[in-house]
Amino acid sequence: MRERGEREAAAREELDRMLREPRRHKWARLRAADLGERGCGVYQVRPRLGLVGMLMGWWEVKLSSGCPLGRRAAPPPAPPRARGGASRPRTS
């Protein structure tokens, strides 16, 4: 239990360093679980505005959700449709 707390504290310190100076931690990744947080997010230092940000030296820390979207149940199959033949007149 103590080791886990020490690992989480070290990870929090690393995240602080990443947030203070993202340029020094290019492409660094830190899982939320390593910080003792719930969920499956990942903190990552990435260039702001993609390639332009990389060339200009604009780096930021982003938190991705990391969790796959929940899948919905498939819709029920459509009822079979009658093929061919004359349609019946409606009766009211």
C-alpha atoms as a PDB file:
ATOM      1  CA  MET A   1       0.000   0.000   0.000  1.00  0.00           C
ATOM      2  CA  ARG A   2       2.840   2.357   0.856  1.00  0.00           C
ATOM      3  CA  GLU A   3       4.614   1.639  -2.441  1.00  0.00           C
ATOM      4  CA  ARG A   4       1.450   2.454  -4.345  1.00  0.00           C
ATOM      5  CA  GLY A   5       1.170   5.811  -2.572  1.00  0.00           C
ATOM      6  CA  GLU A   6       4.787   6.581  -3.373  1.00  0.00           C
ATOM      7  CA  ARG A   7       4.280   5.710  -7.046  1.00  0.00           C
ATOM      8  CA  GLU A   8       1.169   7.912  -7.218  1.00  0.00           C
ATOM      9  CA  ALA A   9       2.999  10.802  -5.537  1.00  0.00           C
ATOM     10  CA  ALA A  10       5.883  10.475  -8.001  1.00  0.00           C
ATOM     11  CA  ALA A  11       3.402  10.416 -10.897  1.00  0.00           C
ATOM     12  CA  ARG A  12       1.685  13.566  -9.574  1.00  0.00           C
ATOM     13  CA  GLU A  13       5.055  15.320  -9.386  1.00  0.00           C
ATOM     14  CA  GLU A  14       5.777  14.262 -12.951  1.00  0.00           C
ATOM     15  CA  LEU A  15       2.399  15.651 -14.066  1.00  0.00           C
ATOM     16  CA  ASP A  16       3.185  18.940 -12.317  1.00  0.00           C
ATOM     17  CA  ARG A  17       6.484  19.158 -14.196  1.00  0.00           C
ATOM     18  CA  MET A  18       4.702  18.350 -17.459  1.00  0.00           C
ATOM     19  CA  LEU A  19       2.140  21.104 -16.833  1.00  0.00           C
ATOM     20  CA  ARG A  20       4.772  23.689 -15.882  1.00  0.00           C
ATOM     21  CA  GLU A  21       7.138  22.999 -18.782  1.00  0.00           C
ATOM     22  CA  PRO A  22       5.461  20.989 -21.534  1.00  0.00           C
ATOM     23  CA  ARG A  23       8.242  21.847 -23.994  1.00  0.00           C
ATOM     24  CA  ARG A  24      10.744  19.829 -21.895  1.00  0.00           C
ATOM     25  CA  HIS A  25       8.439  16.775 -21.836  1.00  0.00           C
ATOM     26  CA  LYS A  26       7.536  16.408 -25.518  1.00  0.00           C
ATOM     27  CA  TRP A  27       5.344  13.357 -26.216  1.00  0.00           C
ATOM     28  CA  ALA A  28       5.393  12.269 -22.539  1.00  0.00           C
ATOM     29  CA  ARG A  29       2.361  10.187 -21.496  1.00  0.00           C
ATOM     30  CA  LEU A  30       0.992   9.550 -18.035  1.00  0.00           C
ATOM     31  CA  ARG A  31      -2.028   7.333 -17.341  1.00  0.00           C
ATOM     32  CA  ALA A  32      -4.680   8.643 -14.959  1.00  0.00           C
ATOM     33  CA  ALA A  33      -4.566   5.271 -13.185  1.00  0.00           C
ATOM     34  CA  ASP A  34      -0.898   5.941 -12.346  1.00  0.00           C
ATOM     35  CA  LEU A  35      -2.075   9.043 -10.470  1.00  0.00           C
ATOM     36  CA  GLY A  36      -4.615   7.041  -8.497  1.00  0.00           C
ATOM     37  CA  GLU A  37      -7.512   8.490 -10.502  1.00  0.00           C
ATOM     38  CA  ARG A  38     -10.421   6.460 -11.745  1.00  0.00           C
ATOM     39  CA  GLY A  39     -11.057   6.005 -15.426  1.00  0.00           C
ATOM     40  CA  CYS A  40      -8.822   5.262 -18.324  1.00  0.00           C
ATOM     41  CA  GLY A  41      -7.663   8.734 -19.338  1.00  0.00           C
ATOM     42  CA  VAL A  42      -4.129   9.606 -20.395  1.00  0.00           C
ATOM     43  CA  TYR A  43      -2.276  12.894 -19.945  1.00  0.00           C
ATOM     44  CA  GLN A  44      -0.060  13.532 -22.948  1.00  0.00           C
ATOM     45  CA  VAL A  45       2.185  16.413 -23.982  1.00  0.00           C
ATOM     46  CA  ARG A  46       1.332  17.232 -27.588  1.00  0.00           C
ATOM     47  CA  PRO A  47       1.995  20.089 -29.975  1.00  0.00           C
ATOM     48  CA  ARG A  48      -0.757  22.690 -30.058  1.00  0.00           C
ATOM     49  CA  LEU A  49      -2.179  22.986 -33.582  1.00  0.00           C
ATOM     50  CA  GLY A  50      -0.411  19.855 -34.835  1.00  0.00           C
ATOM     51  CA  LEU A  51       2.565  20.272 -37.139  1.00  0.00           C
ATOM     52  CA  VAL A  52       2.470  24.068 -36.961  1.00  0.00           C
ATOM     53  CA  GLY A  53       2.664  23.926 -33.161  1.00  0.00           C
ATOM     54  CA  MET A  54       5.512  21.427 -33.319  1.00  0.00           C
ATOM     55  CA  LEU A  55       7.526  23.685 -35.599  1.00  0.00           C
ATOM     56  CA  MET A  56       6.733  26.776 -33.515  1.00  0.00           C
ATOM     57  CA  GLY A  57       7.453  25.055 -30.199  1.00  0.00           C
ATOM     58  CA  TRP A  58       3.891  25.334 -28.878  1.00  0.00           C
ATOM     59  CA  TRP A  59       3.327  22.347 -26.599  1.00  0.00           C
ATOM     60  CA  GLU A  60       0.437  21.585 -24.246  1.00  0.00           C
ATOM     61  CA  VAL A  61      -0.767  18.834 -21.935  1.00  0.00           C
ATOM     62  CA  LYS A  62      -3.988  17.186 -23.080  1.00  0.00           C
ATOM     63  CA  LEU A  63      -6.153  14.742 -21.176  1.00  0.00           C
ATOM     64  CA  SER A  64      -7.741  12.171 -23.416  1.00  0.00           C
ATOM     65  CA  SER A  65     -10.662  10.150 -22.169  1.00  0.00           C
ATOM     66  CA  GLY A  66      -8.999   6.996 -23.401  1.00  0.00           C
ATOM     67  CA  CYS A  67     -12.149   4.985 -22.746  1.00  0.00           C
ATOM     68  CA  PRO A  68     -13.905   3.363 -25.668  1.00  0.00           C
ATOM     69  CA  LEU A  69     -17.469   4.473 -26.177  1.00  0.00           C
ATOM     70  CA  GLY A  70     -20.125   2.235 -24.737  1.00  0.00           C
ATOM     71  CA  ARG A  71     -21.834   0.175 -27.363  1.00  0.00           C
ATOM     72  CA  ARG A  72     -25.575   0.311 -27.725  1.00  0.00           C
ATOM     73  CA  ALA A  73     -27.586  -2.796 -28.308  1.00  0.00           C
ATOM     74  CA  ALA A  74     -28.287  -3.439 -31.959  1.00  0.00           C
ATOM     75  CA  PRO A  75     -31.755  -2.310 -33.072  1.00  0.00           C
ATOM     76  CA  PRO A  76     -34.297  -5.091 -33.462  1.00  0.00           C
ATOM     77  CA  PRO A  77     -34.575  -6.502 -36.968  1.00  0.00           C
ATOM     78  CA  ALA A  78     -37.209  -4.909 -39.198  1.00  0.00           C
ATOM     79  CA  PRO A  79     -40.350  -6.963 -39.781  1.00  0.00           C
ATOM     80  CA  PRO A  80     -40.382  -8.813 -43.100  1.00  0.00           C
ATOM     81  CA  ARG A  81     -42.005  -6.922 -45.939  1.00  0.00           C
ATOM     82  CA  ALA A  82     -44.437  -8.506 -48.338  1.00  0.00           C
ATOM     83  CA  ARG A  83     -43.017  -8.919 -51.804  1.00  0.00           C
ATOM     84  CA  GLY A  84     -44.863  -8.492 -55.028  1.00  0.00           C
ATOM     85  CA  GLY A  85     -48.612  -8.947 -55.481  1.00  0.00           C
ATOM     86  CA  ALA A  86     -51.291  -6.351 -55.331  1.00  0.00           C
ATOM     87  CA  SER A  87     -51.570  -4.211 -52.300  1.00  0.00           C
ATOM     88  CA  ARG A  88     -54.736  -4.584 -50.283  1.00  0.00           C
ATOM     89  CA  PRO A  89     -57.031  -1.631 -50.027  1.00  0.00           C
ATOM     90  CA  ARG A  90     -57.315  -0.171 -46.572  1.00  0.00           C
ATOM     91  CA  THR A  91     -60.548  -0.496 -44.749  1.00  0.00           C
ATOM     92  CA  SER A  92     -61.496   2.086 -42.218  1.00  0.00           C
END
